[in-house]
Amino acid sequence: MSGFERTVELLMQDEVICRTAYSAEFAFLTDNIKRSEVDQYLRQIGRSLAKTSDNLGYLMVYLNLDDSGKKRRVAAQFKKIEGELSTLVDWLCFARNINENSNPISAGERITESELLAAIETSRPLAEQLTSIANKLGRSMKSREVKKKLTSVLNYLTDSGYFVQLNTTGSVYEATAKWSFVYDALEFYIQRQDPESIENDQTILEESQQQLEL
């Protein structure tokens, strides 16, 4: 499969292409000519190439939402994000509480399970935050062992595409640009304040797509 085919296939699967998650495809899209070719192809089928607001990730958006199938697909994406958003924000606050001098997690940033664990084991509030996050993710367990809870939450975030494990032991993780997409979605929701049902509001869907256009 060519670089063009692999890149388009990932975009059509609603993946966020970044240096961490898909290094070869990200490099492919940094070439102006190749990026233009991908965008032109997508436009022929009613889609286009877009970037996250921090320019760290590429993704596919629809040119318009002129049929029910497209609306349902975008609505499903936003409902999934909406369902995860609260827990993801909790995780961001949790990570920030561990290192108060850190910036919000961004693509390319690395975290180490052992460093997180060391901080949690010396702080009851952090341990309680972790338990709350694990419960929200359905990763609660009878064991009170902090390490098992932390590993379970990190596995969830990795399986969901927010981190990539950098070694076989799984102790070092690198953030992907899916966090960038979350920040864009969060900003969109804040701007809308109290958005109506996405399924029944075409304006919201169209605005969300336009916000990501190149």
C-alpha atoms as a PDB file:
ATOM      1  CA  MET A   1       0.000   0.000   0.000  1.00  0.00           C
ATOM      2  CA  SER A   2       1.374   3.411  -0.978  1.00  0.00           C
ATOM      3  CA  GLY A   3       1.870   6.320   1.401  1.00  0.00           C
ATOM      4  CA  PHE A   4      -1.063   8.076  -0.236  1.00  0.00           C
ATOM      5  CA  GLU A   5      -3.355   5.079   0.247  1.00  0.00           C
ATOM      6  CA  ARG A   6      -2.335   4.531   3.876  1.00  0.00           C
ATOM      7  CA  THR A   7      -2.841   8.209   4.679  1.00  0.00           C
ATOM      8  CA  VAL A   8      -6.266   8.428   3.067  1.00  0.00           C
ATOM      9  CA  GLU A   9      -7.363   5.183   4.710  1.00  0.00           C
ATOM     10  CA  LEU A  10      -6.458   6.497   8.177  1.00  0.00           C
ATOM     11  CA  LEU A  11      -8.251   9.779   7.528  1.00  0.00           C
ATOM     12  CA  MET A  12     -11.357   7.939   6.336  1.00  0.00           C
ATOM     13  CA  GLN A  13     -11.275   5.947   9.581  1.00  0.00           C
ATOM     14  CA  ASP A  14     -11.468   9.261  11.493  1.00  0.00           C
ATOM     15  CA  GLU A  15      -7.951   8.907  12.858  1.00  0.00           C
ATOM     16  CA  VAL A  16      -5.975  11.994  13.896  1.00  0.00           C
ATOM     17  CA  ILE A  17      -2.623  11.737  12.121  1.00  0.00           C
ATOM     18  CA  CYS A  18       0.318  13.087  14.094  1.00  0.00           C
ATOM     19  CA  ARG A  19       4.044  12.501  14.448  1.00  0.00           C
ATOM     20  CA  THR A  20       3.557  10.287  17.504  1.00  0.00           C
ATOM     21  CA  ALA A  21       0.754   8.008  16.344  1.00  0.00           C
ATOM     22  CA  TYR A  22       1.482   7.779  12.613  1.00  0.00           C
ATOM     23  CA  SER A  23       4.956   9.134  11.915  1.00  0.00           C
ATOM     24  CA  ALA A  24       5.204   8.003   8.276  1.00  0.00           C
ATOM     25  CA  GLU A  25       1.787   9.365   7.308  1.00  0.00           C
ATOM     26  CA  PHE A  26       2.438  12.606   9.198  1.00  0.00           C
ATOM     27  CA  ALA A  27       5.704  13.050   7.302  1.00  0.00           C
ATOM     28  CA  PHE A  28       3.795  12.356   4.078  1.00  0.00           C
ATOM     29  CA  LEU A  29       1.362  15.188   4.857  1.00  0.00           C
ATOM     30  CA  THR A  30       4.102  17.685   5.689  1.00  0.00           C
ATOM     31  CA  ASP A  31       5.032  17.651   2.007  1.00  0.00           C
ATOM     32  CA  ASN A  32       2.998  20.461   0.413  1.00  0.00           C
ATOM     33  CA  ILE A  33       2.444  18.647  -2.879  1.00  0.00           C
ATOM     34  CA  LYS A  34       1.426  15.353  -1.285  1.00  0.00           C
ATOM     35  CA  ARG A  35      -0.829  17.120   1.209  1.00  0.00           C
ATOM     36  CA  SER A  36      -2.521  18.951  -1.654  1.00  0.00           C
ATOM     37  CA  GLU A  37      -3.040  15.665  -3.510  1.00  0.00           C
ATOM     38  CA  VAL A  38      -4.711  14.127  -0.458  1.00  0.00           C
ATOM     39  CA  ASP A  39      -6.932  17.166   0.008  1.00  0.00           C
ATOM     40  CA  GLN A  40      -7.919  17.210  -3.666  1.00  0.00           C
ATOM     41  CA  TYR A  41      -8.854  13.530  -3.511  1.00  0.00           C
ATOM     42  CA  LEU A  42     -10.952  14.033  -0.390  1.00  0.00           C
ATOM     43  CA  ARG A  43     -12.729  17.003  -1.951  1.00  0.00           C
ATOM     44  CA  GLN A  44     -13.833  14.810  -4.841  1.00  0.00           C
ATOM     45  CA  ILE A  45     -15.802  12.714  -2.350  1.00  0.00           C
ATOM     46  CA  GLY A  46     -17.232  15.603  -0.331  1.00  0.00           C
ATOM     47  CA  ARG A  47     -14.545  15.766   2.331  1.00  0.00           C
ATOM     48  CA  SER A  48     -11.400  17.775   2.987  1.00  0.00           C
ATOM     49  CA  LEU A  49      -8.169  17.674   4.941  1.00  0.00           C
ATOM     50  CA  ALA A  50      -8.049  19.723   8.142  1.00  0.00           C
ATOM     51  CA  LYS A  51      -5.591  20.495  10.919  1.00  0.00           C
ATOM     52  CA  THR A  52      -6.058  20.847  14.643  1.00  0.00           C
ATOM     53  CA  SER A  53      -5.728  24.433  15.847  1.00  0.00           C
ATOM     54  CA  ASP A  54      -2.213  23.797  17.194  1.00  0.00           C
ATOM     55  CA  ASN A  55      -1.134  22.359  13.806  1.00  0.00           C
ATOM     56  CA  LEU A  56       0.008  19.116  15.440  1.00  0.00           C
ATOM     57  CA  GLY A  57      -2.553  16.812  13.854  1.00  0.00           C
ATOM     58  CA  TYR A  58      -4.354  16.194  10.549  1.00  0.00           C
ATOM     59  CA  LEU A  59      -7.868  14.844  10.218  1.00  0.00           C
ATOM     60  CA  MET A  60     -10.740  14.578   7.772  1.00  0.00           C
ATOM     61  CA  VAL A  61     -13.842  16.783   7.811  1.00  0.00           C
ATOM     62  CA  TYR A  62     -16.913  16.972   5.582  1.00  0.00           C
ATOM     63  CA  LEU A  63     -17.300  19.837   3.125  1.00  0.00           C
ATOM     64  CA  ASN A  64     -20.992  19.932   3.965  1.00  0.00           C
ATOM     65  CA  LEU A  65     -23.593  17.906   5.807  1.00  0.00           C
ATOM     66  CA  ASP A  66     -26.110  17.561   3.023  1.00  0.00           C
ATOM     67  CA  ASP A  67     -27.400  14.083   3.805  1.00  0.00           C
ATOM     68  CA  SER A  68     -28.576  12.171   6.848  1.00  0.00           C
ATOM     69  CA  GLY A  69     -25.711   9.670   6.703  1.00  0.00           C
ATOM     70  CA  LYS A  70     -23.064  12.363   7.139  1.00  0.00           C
ATOM     71  CA  LYS A  71     -25.053  14.014   9.918  1.00  0.00           C
ATOM     72  CA  ARG A  72     -25.375  10.736  11.785  1.00  0.00           C
ATOM     73  CA  ARG A  73     -21.664   9.999  11.481  1.00  0.00           C
ATOM     74  CA  VAL A  74     -20.554  13.426  12.724  1.00  0.00           C
ATOM     75  CA  ALA A  75     -23.204  13.387  15.447  1.00  0.00           C
ATOM     76  CA  ALA A  76     -21.905  10.010  16.632  1.00  0.00           C
ATOM     77  CA  GLN A  77     -18.358  11.372  16.762  1.00  0.00           C
ATOM     78  CA  PHE A  78     -19.399  14.358  18.835  1.00  0.00           C
ATOM     79  CA  LYS A  79     -21.554  12.289  21.147  1.00  0.00           C
ATOM     80  CA  LYS A  80     -18.577  10.016  21.824  1.00  0.00           C
ATOM     81  CA  ILE A  81     -16.357  13.009  22.556  1.00  0.00           C
ATOM     82  CA  GLU A  82     -19.080  14.606  24.643  1.00  0.00           C
ATOM     83  CA  GLY A  83     -19.373  11.424  26.671  1.00  0.00           C
ATOM     84  CA  GLU A  84     -15.614  11.278  27.291  1.00  0.00           C
ATOM     85  CA  LEU A  85     -14.999  14.992  27.737  1.00  0.00           C
ATOM     86  CA  SER A  86     -15.703  15.229  31.454  1.00  0.00           C
ATOM     87  CA  THR A  87     -13.395  12.333  32.260  1.00  0.00           C
ATOM     88  CA  LEU A  88     -10.648  13.620  29.964  1.00  0.00           C
ATOM     89  CA  VAL A  89     -10.813  17.006  31.664  1.00  0.00           C
ATOM     90  CA  ASP A  90     -10.557  15.205  35.009  1.00  0.00           C
ATOM     91  CA  TRP A  91      -7.419  13.451  33.764  1.00  0.00           C
ATOM     92  CA  LEU A  92      -5.914  16.749  32.591  1.00  0.00           C
ATOM     93  CA  CYS A  93      -6.578  18.293  36.012  1.00  0.00           C
ATOM     94  CA  PHE A  94      -5.132  15.186  37.650  1.00  0.00           C
ATOM     95  CA  ALA A  95      -1.944  15.417  35.569  1.00  0.00           C
ATOM     96  CA  ARG A  96      -1.694  19.142  36.266  1.00  0.00           C
ATOM     97  CA  ASN A  97      -2.035  18.545  40.012  1.00  0.00           C
ATOM     98  CA  ILE A  98       0.907  16.157  39.882  1.00  0.00           C
ATOM     99  CA  ASN A  99       3.076  18.783  38.207  1.00  0.00           C
ATOM    100  CA  GLU A 100       1.691  22.251  38.830  1.00  0.00           C
ATOM    101  CA  ASN A 101       4.327  23.837  36.588  1.00  0.00           C
ATOM    102  CA  SER A 102       3.372  21.773  33.561  1.00  0.00           C
ATOM    103  CA  ASN A 103       1.369  22.914  30.564  1.00  0.00           C
ATOM    104  CA  PRO A 104      -1.705  21.006  29.361  1.00  0.00           C
ATOM    105  CA  ILE A 105      -0.800  17.693  27.750  1.00  0.00           C
ATOM    106  CA  SER A 106       0.127  18.147  24.095  1.00  0.00           C
ATOM    107  CA  ALA A 107       1.171  15.873  21.252  1.00  0.00           C
ATOM    108  CA  GLY A 108       4.716  14.634  21.706  1.00  0.00           C
ATOM    109  CA  GLU A 109       4.776  15.083  25.474  1.00  0.00           C
ATOM    110  CA  ARG A 110       5.915  12.056  27.453  1.00  0.00           C
ATOM    111  CA  ILE A 111       4.724  10.807  30.806  1.00  0.00           C
ATOM    112  CA  THR A 112       6.242   8.052  32.911  1.00  0.00           C
ATOM    113  CA  GLU A 113       4.065   5.680  34.876  1.00  0.00           C
ATOM    114  CA  SER A 114       6.631   5.367  37.658  1.00  0.00           C
ATOM    115  CA  GLU A 115       6.749   9.144  38.174  1.00  0.00           C
ATOM    116  CA  LEU A 116       2.966   9.374  38.262  1.00  0.00           C
ATOM    117  CA  LEU A 117       2.799   6.479  40.694  1.00  0.00           C
ATOM    118  CA  ALA A 118       5.382   8.022  43.026  1.00  0.00           C
ATOM    119  CA  ALA A 119       3.340  11.228  43.236  1.00  0.00           C
ATOM    120  CA  ILE A 120       0.022   9.431  43.760  1.00  0.00           C
ATOM    121  CA  GLU A 121       1.311   7.178  46.511  1.00  0.00           C
ATOM    122  CA  THR A 122       2.308  10.192  48.608  1.00  0.00           C
ATOM    123  CA  SER A 123      -0.927  12.128  48.104  1.00  0.00           C
ATOM    124  CA  ARG A 124      -4.350  10.970  49.217  1.00  0.00           C
ATOM    125  CA  PRO A 125      -6.176  13.619  47.103  1.00  0.00           C
ATOM    126  CA  LEU A 126      -4.372  12.372  43.987  1.00  0.00           C
ATOM    127  CA  ALA A 127      -5.248   8.777  44.843  1.00  0.00           C
ATOM    128  CA  GLU A 128      -8.894   9.789  45.238  1.00  0.00           C
ATOM    129  CA  GLN A 129      -8.811  11.617  41.896  1.00  0.00           C
ATOM    130  CA  LEU A 130      -7.396   8.525  40.225  1.00  0.00           C
ATOM    131  CA  THR A 131     -10.119   6.347  41.735  1.00  0.00           C
ATOM    132  CA  SER A 132     -12.787   8.750  40.490  1.00  0.00           C
ATOM    133  CA  ILE A 133     -11.345   8.691  36.964  1.00  0.00           C
ATOM    134  CA  ALA A 134     -11.131   4.895  36.988  1.00  0.00           C
ATOM    135  CA  ASN A 135     -14.764   4.687  38.086  1.00  0.00           C
ATOM    136  CA  LYS A 136     -15.914   7.031  35.306  1.00  0.00           C
ATOM    137  CA  LEU A 137     -14.051   4.961  32.738  1.00  0.00           C
ATOM    138  CA  GLY A 138     -15.563   1.760  34.045  1.00  0.00           C
ATOM    139  CA  ARG A 139     -12.117   0.672  35.179  1.00  0.00           C
ATOM    140  CA  SER A 140     -12.968   0.436  38.871  1.00  0.00           C
ATOM    141  CA  MET A 141     -11.733  -2.681  40.587  1.00  0.00           C
ATOM    142  CA  LYS A 142     -11.915  -4.353  43.963  1.00  0.00           C
ATOM    143  CA  SER A 143      -8.187  -3.984  44.447  1.00  0.00           C
ATOM    144  CA  ARG A 144      -7.137  -0.850  46.268  1.00  0.00           C
ATOM    145  CA  GLU A 145      -3.686  -1.041  44.731  1.00  0.00           C
ATOM    146  CA  VAL A 146      -2.951   2.329  43.154  1.00  0.00           C
ATOM    147  CA  LYS A 147      -0.617   0.908  40.516  1.00  0.00           C
ATOM    148  CA  LYS A 148      -3.303  -1.370  39.083  1.00  0.00           C
ATOM    149  CA  LYS A 149      -5.749   1.527  38.839  1.00  0.00           C
ATOM    150  CA  LEU A 150      -3.180   3.775  37.184  1.00  0.00           C
ATOM    151  CA  THR A 151      -2.169   1.092  34.697  1.00  0.00           C
ATOM    152  CA  SER A 152      -5.816   0.436  33.874  1.00  0.00           C
ATOM    153  CA  VAL A 153      -6.514   4.127  33.203  1.00  0.00           C
ATOM    154  CA  LEU A 154      -3.361   4.508  31.100  1.00  0.00           C
ATOM    155  CA  ASN A 155      -4.314   1.409  29.113  1.00  0.00           C
ATOM    156  CA  TYR A 156      -7.729   2.927  28.424  1.00  0.00           C
ATOM    157  CA  LEU A 157      -6.202   6.205  27.234  1.00  0.00           C
ATOM    158  CA  THR A 158      -3.749   4.278  25.061  1.00  0.00           C
ATOM    159  CA  ASP A 159      -6.424   2.023  23.572  1.00  0.00           C
ATOM    160  CA  SER A 160      -8.501   5.145  22.849  1.00  0.00           C
ATOM    161  CA  GLY A 161      -5.630   6.758  20.943  1.00  0.00           C
ATOM    162  CA  TYR A 162      -4.600   9.486  23.382  1.00  0.00           C
ATOM    163  CA  PHE A 163      -1.209   7.952  24.176  1.00  0.00           C
ATOM    164  CA  VAL A 164       1.248   5.581  22.527  1.00  0.00           C
ATOM    165  CA  GLN A 165       3.410   3.226  24.579  1.00  0.00           C
ATOM    166  CA  LEU A 166       7.085   3.742  23.809  1.00  0.00           C
ATOM    167  CA  ASN A 167       8.445   0.506  25.249  1.00  0.00           C
ATOM    168  CA  THR A 168       7.342  -3.039  25.827  1.00  0.00           C
ATOM    169  CA  THR A 169       6.943  -2.581  29.568  1.00  0.00           C
ATOM    170  CA  GLY A 170       4.414   0.201  28.952  1.00  0.00           C
ATOM    171  CA  SER A 171       6.005   2.512  31.527  1.00  0.00           C
ATOM    172  CA  VAL A 172       6.601   5.448  29.163  1.00  0.00           C
ATOM    173  CA  TYR A 173       3.784   7.021  27.154  1.00  0.00           C
ATOM    174  CA  GLU A 174       3.776   9.740  24.505  1.00  0.00           C
ATOM    175  CA  ALA A 175       0.712  11.902  23.914  1.00  0.00           C
ATOM    176  CA  THR A 176      -0.887  12.064  20.471  1.00  0.00           C
ATOM    177  CA  ALA A 177      -2.642  14.915  18.679  1.00  0.00           C
ATOM    178  CA  LYS A 178      -5.954  13.403  19.684  1.00  0.00           C
ATOM    179  CA  TRP A 179      -5.530  15.656  22.726  1.00  0.00           C
ATOM    180  CA  SER A 180      -5.383  18.595  20.302  1.00  0.00           C
ATOM    181  CA  PHE A 181      -8.725  17.522  18.884  1.00  0.00           C
ATOM    182  CA  VAL A 182     -10.142  17.292  22.412  1.00  0.00           C
ATOM    183  CA  TYR A 183      -9.006  20.857  23.145  1.00  0.00           C
ATOM    184  CA  ASP A 184     -10.632  22.056  19.927  1.00  0.00           C
ATOM    185  CA  ALA A 185     -13.846  20.241  20.831  1.00  0.00           C
ATOM    186  CA  LEU A 186     -13.742  21.651  24.361  1.00  0.00           C
ATOM    187  CA  GLU A 187     -13.275  25.178  23.044  1.00  0.00           C
ATOM    188  CA  PHE A 188     -16.163  24.649  20.656  1.00  0.00           C
ATOM    189  CA  TYR A 189     -18.462  23.506  23.461  1.00  0.00           C
ATOM    190  CA  ILE A 190     -17.424  26.440  25.643  1.00  0.00           C
ATOM    191  CA  GLN A 191     -18.188  28.856  22.817  1.00  0.00           C
ATOM    192  CA  ARG A 192     -21.589  27.252  22.379  1.00  0.00           C
ATOM    193  CA  GLN A 193     -22.049  27.258  26.193  1.00  0.00           C
ATOM    194  CA  ASP A 194     -25.161  25.073  26.332  1.00  0.00           C
ATOM    195  CA  PRO A 195     -25.452  23.437  22.912  1.00  0.00           C
ATOM    196  CA  GLU A 196     -28.711  21.826  21.896  1.00  0.00           C
ATOM    197  CA  SER A 197     -28.896  18.234  20.765  1.00  0.00           C
ATOM    198  CA  ILE A 198     -26.261  17.714  18.094  1.00  0.00           C
ATOM    199  CA  GLU A 199     -28.380  15.190  16.250  1.00  0.00           C
ATOM    200  CA  ASN A 200     -31.079  17.788  15.599  1.00  0.00           C
ATOM    201  CA  ASP A 201     -28.953  20.877  15.065  1.00  0.00           C
ATOM    202  CA  GLN A 202     -27.275  21.029  11.661  1.00  0.00           C
ATOM    203  CA  THR A 203     -25.807  24.449  12.450  1.00  0.00           C
ATOM    204  CA  ILE A 204     -23.730  23.030  15.299  1.00  0.00           C
ATOM    205  CA  LEU A 205     -22.416  20.245  13.098  1.00  0.00           C
ATOM    206  CA  GLU A 206     -21.489  22.610  10.281  1.00  0.00           C
ATOM    207  CA  GLU A 207     -19.767  25.031  12.659  1.00  0.00           C
ATOM    208  CA  SER A 208     -17.768  22.214  14.222  1.00  0.00           C
ATOM    209  CA  GLN A 209     -16.528  21.141  10.792  1.00  0.00           C
ATOM    210  CA  GLN A 210     -15.707  24.682   9.647  1.00  0.00           C
ATOM    211  CA  GLN A 211     -13.682  25.338  12.790  1.00  0.00           C
ATOM    212  CA  LEU A 212     -11.213  22.617  11.748  1.00  0.00           C
ATOM    213  CA  GLU A 213     -10.788  23.526   8.088  1.00  0.00           C
ATOM    214  CA  LEU A 214      -7.284  24.195   6.766  1.00  0.00           C
END
